[in-house]
Amino acid sequence: MLGSLFMLTSLCYLSNGDDVPINICFVPVRGANNAIVRPSVPVEYCQDRDAAACFAIFKPEDDNVLAQNRMANQNYQVLDKCQQEPYIMLARQMCPWMCATCCMTKEYNCENATTLPSSAATCRDERQHCAAIRAANSCGGVFRTTMMQQCARTCEGKGKGTECDQERLMKHGAVSVWDRNDWWEFA
């Protein structure tokens, strides 16, 4: 019994991971002795969508890490799960504050309006099997923002009045007018 409890505790510790310096969304900063890494977008500029869940999933192992992260002369550390492949999308979409992935959020990961690609390039599916995703009604809900970007053509994403919406209207024979305040459709 005691051996089982010890083994379960060890597995929980191993699965949680270690606190490591960030390697996503970071900038090197010259420190007193050597270069340190800090978030490229300060974490104060973004917030987690569900702070309690993010804390439960990505809580640092060392309770002092959160306090040390406030010091500009220290490496910014997160739980290594934040930077592992299976968790990166969750870290970006749900927990940008806890995982210091603010630079990957739509507010900070954008292109200049003068360099946006053409409508043919922006109104396309960026991932495979978008039709299956739509059939499973997964274009909405919690991952709506991501699906509207990754499966823009199939999920009719990118928003009303955008390239995908204009392309959809032209395909169905509607004439569209973009007004400064609204989007008008005439069939």
Protein backbone atom coordinates (compact mmCIF):
# COMPACT_ATOMS: atom_id res chain seq x y z
CA MET A 1 0.00 0.00 0.00
CA LEU A 2 2.74 2.42 0.97
CA GLY A 3 4.69 1.45 -2.16
CA SER A 4 1.66 2.17 -4.37
CA LEU A 5 1.20 5.57 -2.77
CA PHE A 6 4.88 6.41 -3.31
CA MET A 7 4.69 5.31 -6.96
CA LEU A 8 1.53 7.38 -7.59
CA THR A 9 3.12 10.44 -5.99
CA SER A 10 6.24 9.98 -8.15
CA LEU A 11 4.17 9.69 -11.32
CA CYS A 12 2.24 12.86 -10.50
CA TYR A 13 5.50 14.71 -9.88
CA LEU A 14 7.07 13.43 -13.11
CA SER A 15 4.00 14.20 -15.22
CA ASN A 16 3.79 17.76 -13.90
CA GLY A 17 7.28 18.58 -15.15
CA ASP A 18 9.81 21.17 -14.12
CA ASP A 19 9.98 24.93 -14.18
CA VAL A 20 12.12 26.03 -17.12
CA PRO A 21 13.07 29.36 -18.75
CA ILE A 22 10.65 30.29 -21.52
CA ASN A 23 11.67 29.39 -25.08
CA ILE A 24 8.53 30.65 -26.84
CA CYS A 25 7.68 34.37 -27.08
CA PHE A 26 10.91 35.47 -25.43
CA VAL A 27 13.57 38.11 -25.89
CA PRO A 28 17.11 37.83 -24.56
CA VAL A 29 17.98 40.59 -22.10
CA ARG A 30 21.49 41.35 -20.94
CA GLY A 31 21.74 40.50 -17.25
CA ALA A 32 24.44 41.20 -14.68
CA ASN A 33 26.45 38.04 -15.45
CA ASN A 34 24.85 36.64 -18.60
CA ALA A 35 21.85 36.94 -20.88
CA ILE A 36 18.45 36.16 -19.40
CA VAL A 37 15.15 35.54 -21.17
CA ARG A 38 12.01 37.57 -20.60
CA PRO A 39 8.60 37.50 -22.37
CA SER A 40 8.56 39.46 -25.64
CA VAL A 41 5.10 40.77 -24.69
CA PRO A 42 4.77 41.42 -20.94
CA VAL A 43 2.29 38.99 -19.38
CA GLU A 44 0.49 41.91 -17.74
CA TYR A 45 -0.86 42.75 -21.20
CA CYS A 46 -2.92 39.56 -21.51
CA GLN A 47 -5.02 37.34 -19.31
CA ASP A 48 -6.00 33.69 -19.08
CA ARG A 49 -9.47 32.75 -20.28
CA ASP A 50 -9.95 30.51 -17.22
CA ALA A 51 -7.42 31.45 -14.57
CA ALA A 52 -8.38 28.63 -12.17
CA ALA A 53 -8.03 25.93 -14.84
CA CYS A 54 -4.76 27.39 -16.11
CA PHE A 55 -3.35 27.47 -12.59
CA ALA A 56 -4.37 23.85 -12.04
CA ILE A 57 -2.83 22.69 -15.33
CA PHE A 58 0.27 24.89 -15.57
CA LYS A 59 1.04 25.82 -11.95
CA PRO A 60 4.81 26.19 -11.44
CA GLU A 61 6.40 23.47 -9.30
CA ASP A 62 8.31 25.98 -7.19
CA ASP A 63 6.03 28.43 -5.38
CA ASN A 64 8.77 31.09 -5.59
CA VAL A 65 8.70 31.12 -9.42
CA LEU A 66 5.75 33.51 -9.63
CA ALA A 67 7.56 35.99 -7.36
CA GLN A 68 10.87 35.54 -9.21
CA ASN A 69 9.15 36.15 -12.56
CA ARG A 70 8.35 39.69 -11.41
CA MET A 71 12.08 40.45 -11.11
CA ALA A 72 13.45 41.87 -14.36
CA ASN A 73 16.94 40.49 -13.67
CA GLN A 74 15.78 36.84 -13.49
CA ASN A 75 14.95 34.32 -16.23
CA TYR A 76 11.20 34.12 -16.71
CA GLN A 77 10.15 30.55 -15.95
CA VAL A 78 7.07 28.49 -16.76
CA LEU A 79 6.14 24.86 -16.30
CA ASP A 80 7.75 22.89 -19.14
CA LYS A 81 4.28 21.65 -20.20
CA CYS A 82 3.57 25.17 -21.50
CA GLN A 83 6.22 24.65 -24.18
CA GLN A 84 5.59 21.00 -25.06
CA GLU A 85 3.88 20.19 -28.34
CA PRO A 86 0.65 18.67 -27.00
CA TYR A 87 0.01 21.70 -24.77
CA ILE A 88 1.17 24.64 -26.91
CA MET A 89 -2.27 25.30 -28.44
CA LEU A 90 -3.93 25.17 -25.01
CA ALA A 91 -1.25 27.47 -23.61
CA ARG A 92 -1.77 29.94 -26.47
CA GLN A 93 -5.57 29.91 -26.52
CA MET A 94 -6.51 29.50 -22.89
CA CYS A 95 -3.50 30.34 -20.72
CA PRO A 96 -1.33 33.06 -22.32
CA TRP A 97 -0.67 34.74 -18.95
CA MET A 98 0.31 31.60 -17.04
CA CYS A 99 2.46 30.27 -19.90
CA ALA A 100 3.81 33.66 -21.11
CA THR A 101 2.53 33.10 -24.66
CA CYS A 102 0.94 36.54 -25.08
CA CYS A 103 2.84 37.14 -28.33
CA MET A 104 0.88 34.27 -29.89
CA THR A 105 -2.56 35.72 -29.11
CA LYS A 106 -4.51 37.49 -31.83
CA GLU A 107 -4.02 40.85 -30.11
CA TYR A 108 -0.24 40.69 -30.54
CA ASN A 109 0.30 38.23 -33.41
CA CYS A 110 -0.92 40.24 -36.39
CA GLU A 111 0.21 41.68 -39.70
CA ASN A 112 0.26 45.32 -40.75
CA ALA A 113 -2.79 46.31 -42.75
CA THR A 114 -0.58 47.41 -45.65
CA THR A 115 0.98 43.96 -45.99
CA LEU A 116 -2.08 41.73 -45.69
CA PRO A 117 -2.26 38.96 -48.27
CA SER A 118 -4.91 38.90 -50.98
CA SER A 119 -8.40 37.54 -50.31
CA ALA A 120 -7.53 34.30 -52.10
CA ALA A 121 -4.71 33.76 -49.64
CA THR A 122 -6.64 34.75 -46.51
CA CYS A 123 -9.87 32.90 -47.30
CA ARG A 124 -8.47 29.39 -47.27
CA ASP A 125 -8.30 26.42 -44.97
CA GLU A 126 -4.90 26.27 -43.30
CA ARG A 127 -5.41 22.80 -41.82
CA GLN A 128 -6.63 19.49 -43.16
CA HIS A 129 -10.03 17.86 -42.59
CA CYS A 130 -11.92 21.13 -42.04
CA ALA A 131 -15.07 19.57 -43.55
CA ALA A 132 -15.03 16.88 -40.85
CA ILE A 133 -14.53 19.54 -38.19
CA ARG A 134 -17.52 21.48 -39.50
CA ALA A 135 -19.64 18.30 -39.69
CA ALA A 136 -18.90 17.73 -35.99
CA ASN A 137 -20.15 21.28 -35.24
CA SER A 138 -16.69 22.23 -34.03
CA CYS A 139 -16.47 25.55 -35.87
CA GLY A 140 -17.99 27.21 -32.81
CA GLY A 141 -17.73 26.94 -29.07
CA VAL A 142 -14.51 27.37 -27.14
CA PHE A 143 -12.27 27.00 -30.20
CA ARG A 144 -14.37 29.25 -32.49
CA THR A 145 -11.66 31.90 -32.91
CA THR A 146 -9.02 29.33 -33.82
CA MET A 147 -11.29 27.39 -36.17
CA MET A 148 -12.39 30.58 -37.95
CA GLN A 149 -8.71 31.24 -38.67
CA GLN A 150 -7.49 27.72 -39.42
CA CYS A 151 -10.57 26.64 -41.42
CA ALA A 152 -11.61 30.07 -42.74
CA ARG A 153 -13.15 28.85 -46.00
CA THR A 154 -15.02 25.88 -44.52
CA CYS A 155 -16.15 27.55 -41.30
CA GLU A 156 -16.89 30.82 -43.15
CA GLY A 157 -14.44 32.54 -40.87
CA LYS A 158 -12.51 35.78 -40.59
CA GLY A 159 -15.73 37.69 -39.76
CA LYS A 160 -18.56 39.50 -41.52
CA GLY A 161 -17.38 41.96 -44.13
CA THR A 162 -14.06 40.25 -44.70
CA GLU A 163 -12.59 38.50 -47.71
CA CYS A 164 -14.25 35.16 -46.96
CA ASP A 165 -17.62 36.82 -46.51
CA GLN A 166 -17.23 38.81 -49.75
CA GLU A 167 -16.15 35.68 -51.61
CA ARG A 168 -19.16 33.76 -50.24
CA LEU A 169 -21.54 36.54 -51.35
CA MET A 170 -20.07 36.70 -54.86
CA LYS A 171 -20.32 32.94 -55.18
CA HIS A 172 -24.06 33.13 -54.38
CA GLY A 173 -24.71 36.08 -56.74
CA ALA A 174 -25.16 38.76 -54.11
CA VAL A 175 -23.84 42.29 -54.53
CA SER A 176 -22.08 43.70 -51.52
CA VAL A 177 -21.42 47.22 -50.36
CA TRP A 178 -19.06 48.05 -47.54
CA ASP A 179 -20.24 51.07 -45.61
CA ARG A 180 -18.11 52.64 -42.89
CA ASN A 181 -20.60 51.59 -40.24
CA ASP A 182 -22.11 48.39 -41.57
CA TRP A 183 -22.05 45.64 -44.14
CA TRP A 184 -24.92 45.62 -46.61
CA GLU A 185 -26.02 42.79 -48.87
CA PHE A 186 -28.24 43.08 -51.93
CA ALA A 187 -29.41 39.96 -53.72
